[in-house]
N, C-alpha and C. Protein backbone atom coordinates (compact mmCIF):
# COMPACT_ATOMS: atom_id res chain seq x y z
N MET A 1 110.75 121.86 88.12
CA MET A 1 109.36 121.82 88.56
C MET A 1 108.67 120.59 87.96
N ALA A 2 107.85 119.96 88.75
CA ALA A 2 107.18 118.73 88.31
C ALA A 2 106.12 119.03 87.27
N GLU A 3 106.00 118.13 86.34
CA GLU A 3 104.93 118.21 85.35
C GLU A 3 103.59 118.04 86.07
N GLN A 4 102.58 118.73 85.59
CA GLN A 4 101.27 118.67 86.25
C GLN A 4 100.58 117.34 86.03
N ALA A 5 99.93 116.86 87.05
CA ALA A 5 99.15 115.63 87.01
C ALA A 5 97.75 115.95 86.52
N PRO A 6 96.92 115.02 86.16
CA PRO A 6 97.18 113.59 86.26
C PRO A 6 98.04 113.08 85.12
N TRP A 7 98.71 111.99 85.39
CA TRP A 7 99.50 111.32 84.37
C TRP A 7 98.72 110.11 83.89
N GLU A 8 98.75 109.89 82.60
CA GLU A 8 98.02 108.77 82.01
C GLU A 8 99.00 107.80 81.37
N PHE A 9 98.75 106.51 81.57
CA PHE A 9 99.60 105.48 80.99
C PHE A 9 98.72 104.37 80.43
N GLU A 10 99.10 103.89 79.27
CA GLU A 10 98.49 102.71 78.70
C GLU A 10 99.26 101.50 79.25
N PRO A 11 98.64 100.31 79.23
CA PRO A 11 99.33 99.13 79.79
C PRO A 11 100.71 98.89 79.17
N TRP A 12 100.92 99.29 77.93
CA TRP A 12 102.18 99.03 77.26
C TRP A 12 103.19 100.17 77.47
N ASP A 13 102.77 101.27 78.07
CA ASP A 13 103.67 102.39 78.33
C ASP A 13 104.56 102.14 79.53
N THR A 14 105.75 102.71 79.49
CA THR A 14 106.62 102.73 80.66
C THR A 14 106.14 103.85 81.56
N MET A 15 105.94 103.52 82.84
CA MET A 15 105.46 104.52 83.79
C MET A 15 106.65 105.35 84.26
N GLN A 16 106.70 106.61 83.86
CA GLN A 16 107.81 107.50 84.19
C GLN A 16 107.23 108.76 84.83
N LEU A 17 107.43 108.90 86.14
CA LEU A 17 106.94 110.07 86.86
C LEU A 17 108.08 111.04 87.12
N PRO A 18 107.76 112.31 87.33
CA PRO A 18 108.81 113.28 87.66
C PRO A 18 109.53 112.89 88.95
N ALA A 19 110.79 113.23 89.04
CA ALA A 19 111.60 112.87 90.21
C ALA A 19 111.29 113.76 91.41
N ASP A 20 110.69 114.91 91.19
CA ASP A 20 110.51 115.88 92.28
C ASP A 20 109.06 116.03 92.74
N ILE A 21 108.35 114.92 92.86
CA ILE A 21 106.99 114.96 93.39
C ILE A 21 107.07 115.26 94.88
N GLU A 22 106.32 116.26 95.31
CA GLU A 22 106.32 116.63 96.72
C GLU A 22 104.93 116.44 97.31
N GLY A 23 104.87 116.33 98.60
CA GLY A 23 103.59 116.18 99.26
C GLY A 23 103.76 116.23 100.76
N GLY A 24 102.70 115.84 101.46
CA GLY A 24 102.78 115.81 102.90
C GLY A 24 101.54 116.35 103.57
N GLY A 25 100.38 115.94 103.13
CA GLY A 25 99.15 116.33 103.80
C GLY A 25 98.48 117.52 103.17
N GLY A 26 97.18 117.60 103.39
CA GLY A 26 96.41 118.73 102.89
C GLY A 26 96.05 118.65 101.42
N THR A 27 96.13 117.48 100.83
CA THR A 27 95.80 117.32 99.42
C THR A 27 94.31 117.46 99.19
N ASP A 28 93.95 118.11 98.10
CA ASP A 28 92.56 118.14 97.66
C ASP A 28 92.44 117.07 96.58
N PHE A 29 91.84 115.95 96.92
CA PHE A 29 91.72 114.82 95.99
C PHE A 29 90.66 115.07 94.91
N ARG A 30 89.77 116.00 95.14
CA ARG A 30 88.63 116.20 94.25
C ARG A 30 88.99 116.60 92.83
N PRO A 31 90.01 117.43 92.57
CA PRO A 31 90.28 117.82 91.18
C PRO A 31 90.57 116.66 90.22
N VAL A 32 91.19 115.61 90.70
CA VAL A 32 91.45 114.46 89.81
C VAL A 32 90.14 113.83 89.36
N PHE A 33 89.22 113.64 90.30
CA PHE A 33 87.93 113.04 89.96
C PHE A 33 87.10 114.00 89.10
N ASP A 34 87.21 115.29 89.37
CA ASP A 34 86.53 116.29 88.53
C ASP A 34 87.08 116.26 87.11
N TRP A 35 88.41 116.11 86.97
CA TRP A 35 89.05 116.05 85.66
C TRP A 35 88.55 114.84 84.88
N VAL A 36 88.49 113.69 85.53
CA VAL A 36 88.01 112.46 84.86
C VAL A 36 86.60 112.70 84.32
N GLU A 37 85.75 113.31 85.13
CA GLU A 37 84.38 113.58 84.70
C GLU A 37 84.33 114.63 83.59
N ALA A 38 85.09 115.71 83.73
CA ALA A 38 85.09 116.79 82.73
C ALA A 38 85.61 116.30 81.38
N GLU A 39 86.56 115.37 81.40
CA GLU A 39 87.12 114.81 80.16
C GLU A 39 86.28 113.66 79.62
N ASN A 40 85.16 113.37 80.31
CA ASN A 40 84.25 112.29 79.90
C ASN A 40 84.99 110.96 79.78
N ARG A 41 85.85 110.69 80.74
CA ARG A 41 86.63 109.46 80.76
C ARG A 41 85.87 108.37 81.49
N SER A 42 86.18 107.13 81.15
CA SER A 42 85.62 105.96 81.83
C SER A 42 86.78 105.03 82.16
N PRO A 43 87.57 105.36 83.17
CA PRO A 43 88.74 104.54 83.47
C PRO A 43 88.36 103.16 83.99
N ASP A 44 89.22 102.19 83.71
CA ASP A 44 89.05 100.86 84.28
C ASP A 44 89.33 100.90 85.78
N MET A 45 90.19 101.86 86.18
CA MET A 45 90.57 101.99 87.58
C MET A 45 91.36 103.28 87.74
N LEU A 46 91.30 103.86 88.93
CA LEU A 46 92.14 105.00 89.26
C LEU A 46 92.96 104.60 90.49
N VAL A 47 94.28 104.80 90.41
CA VAL A 47 95.17 104.49 91.52
C VAL A 47 95.74 105.80 92.04
N TYR A 48 95.59 106.02 93.34
CA TYR A 48 96.05 107.25 93.98
C TYR A 48 97.13 106.89 94.99
N PHE A 49 98.34 107.44 94.84
CA PHE A 49 99.40 107.31 95.82
C PHE A 49 99.27 108.48 96.77
N THR A 50 99.13 108.23 98.08
CA THR A 50 98.80 109.31 99.00
C THR A 50 99.13 108.96 100.44
N ASP A 51 99.10 110.00 101.29
CA ASP A 51 99.14 109.77 102.74
C ASP A 51 97.71 109.81 103.29
N ALA A 52 96.74 110.01 102.42
CA ALA A 52 95.31 110.04 102.75
C ALA A 52 94.94 111.19 103.69
N GLU A 53 95.73 112.24 103.66
CA GLU A 53 95.43 113.43 104.47
C GLU A 53 94.95 114.52 103.52
N GLY A 54 93.65 114.78 103.53
CA GLY A 54 93.14 115.82 102.65
C GLY A 54 91.64 115.74 102.47
N ASP A 55 91.15 116.41 101.43
CA ASP A 55 89.73 116.50 101.15
C ASP A 55 89.34 115.53 100.05
N PHE A 56 88.44 114.61 100.39
CA PHE A 56 87.96 113.60 99.45
C PHE A 56 86.62 114.03 98.86
N PRO A 57 86.29 113.56 97.64
CA PRO A 57 84.93 113.75 97.15
C PRO A 57 83.95 113.06 98.11
N LYS A 58 82.76 113.61 98.22
CA LYS A 58 81.77 113.04 99.15
C LYS A 58 81.29 111.66 98.70
N LEU A 59 81.16 111.48 97.40
CA LEU A 59 80.65 110.23 96.86
C LEU A 59 81.69 109.55 95.98
N PRO A 60 81.73 108.23 95.98
CA PRO A 60 82.68 107.53 95.12
C PRO A 60 82.25 107.61 93.65
N PRO A 61 83.22 107.51 92.74
CA PRO A 61 82.87 107.50 91.31
C PRO A 61 82.33 106.12 90.92
N ASN A 62 81.94 105.98 89.66
CA ASN A 62 81.40 104.71 89.18
C ASN A 62 82.47 103.80 88.59
N TYR A 63 83.72 103.98 89.01
CA TYR A 63 84.83 103.12 88.61
C TYR A 63 85.65 102.81 89.87
N PRO A 64 86.40 101.71 89.86
CA PRO A 64 87.17 101.34 91.05
C PRO A 64 88.29 102.34 91.34
N VAL A 65 88.50 102.58 92.62
CA VAL A 65 89.60 103.44 93.07
C VAL A 65 90.42 102.66 94.10
N ILE A 66 91.72 102.63 93.88
CA ILE A 66 92.64 102.03 94.84
C ILE A 66 93.50 103.15 95.41
N TRP A 67 93.51 103.24 96.72
CA TRP A 67 94.31 104.23 97.44
C TRP A 67 95.55 103.51 97.97
N LEU A 68 96.73 103.84 97.47
CA LEU A 68 97.98 103.30 97.98
C LEU A 68 98.46 104.28 99.04
N VAL A 69 98.33 103.90 100.32
CA VAL A 69 98.50 104.85 101.42
C VAL A 69 99.79 104.58 102.19
N LYS A 70 100.61 105.61 102.28
CA LYS A 70 101.79 105.60 103.15
C LYS A 70 101.41 106.38 104.39
N GLY A 71 101.31 105.72 105.50
CA GLY A 71 100.88 106.35 106.75
C GLY A 71 99.62 105.68 107.26
N LYS A 72 98.96 106.38 108.18
CA LYS A 72 97.81 105.79 108.86
C LYS A 72 96.48 106.39 108.44
N GLY A 73 96.48 107.28 107.46
CA GLY A 73 95.25 107.94 107.04
C GLY A 73 94.20 106.97 106.53
N ALA A 74 92.95 107.31 106.83
CA ALA A 74 91.81 106.50 106.38
C ALA A 74 91.25 107.08 105.08
N VAL A 75 90.59 106.23 104.31
CA VAL A 75 89.91 106.68 103.09
C VAL A 75 88.42 106.40 103.25
N PRO A 76 87.55 107.26 102.69
CA PRO A 76 86.11 107.09 102.91
C PRO A 76 85.46 106.01 102.04
N TRP A 77 86.09 105.64 100.95
CA TRP A 77 85.55 104.64 100.03
C TRP A 77 86.69 104.17 99.13
N GLY A 78 86.43 103.15 98.36
CA GLY A 78 87.47 102.56 97.52
C GLY A 78 88.26 101.54 98.31
N GLU A 79 89.28 100.99 97.70
CA GLU A 79 90.12 99.99 98.36
C GLU A 79 91.43 100.63 98.84
N ARG A 80 91.70 100.49 100.12
CA ARG A 80 92.91 101.06 100.72
C ARG A 80 93.98 99.98 100.81
N VAL A 81 95.16 100.27 100.28
CA VAL A 81 96.30 99.35 100.35
C VAL A 81 97.41 100.07 101.11
N GLN A 82 97.89 99.45 102.18
CA GLN A 82 98.92 100.04 103.02
C GLN A 82 100.30 99.93 102.38
N LEU A 83 101.02 101.03 102.32
CA LEU A 83 102.41 101.04 101.83
C LEU A 83 103.32 101.38 102.99
N ASN A 84 104.29 100.56 103.24
CA ASN A 84 105.30 100.85 104.27
C ASN A 84 106.60 100.20 103.90
């Protein structure tokens, strides 16, 4: 079973994610942004790997968000980068 997200990495850390990440639409993106706020974090940036199919927060946060999107899904705010 995959370790629960979010995963945090410092610039000097090796990025090691679980091998069994699953997905495929219907993601609720809001808990990650809620977690950042609840933990009183001020990230330099948040990067989301996604198919962009799901429920987004209504308003963008006060930090940059990059959506790395595999597929044709649209994002309501932030910077969308196409992955194919």
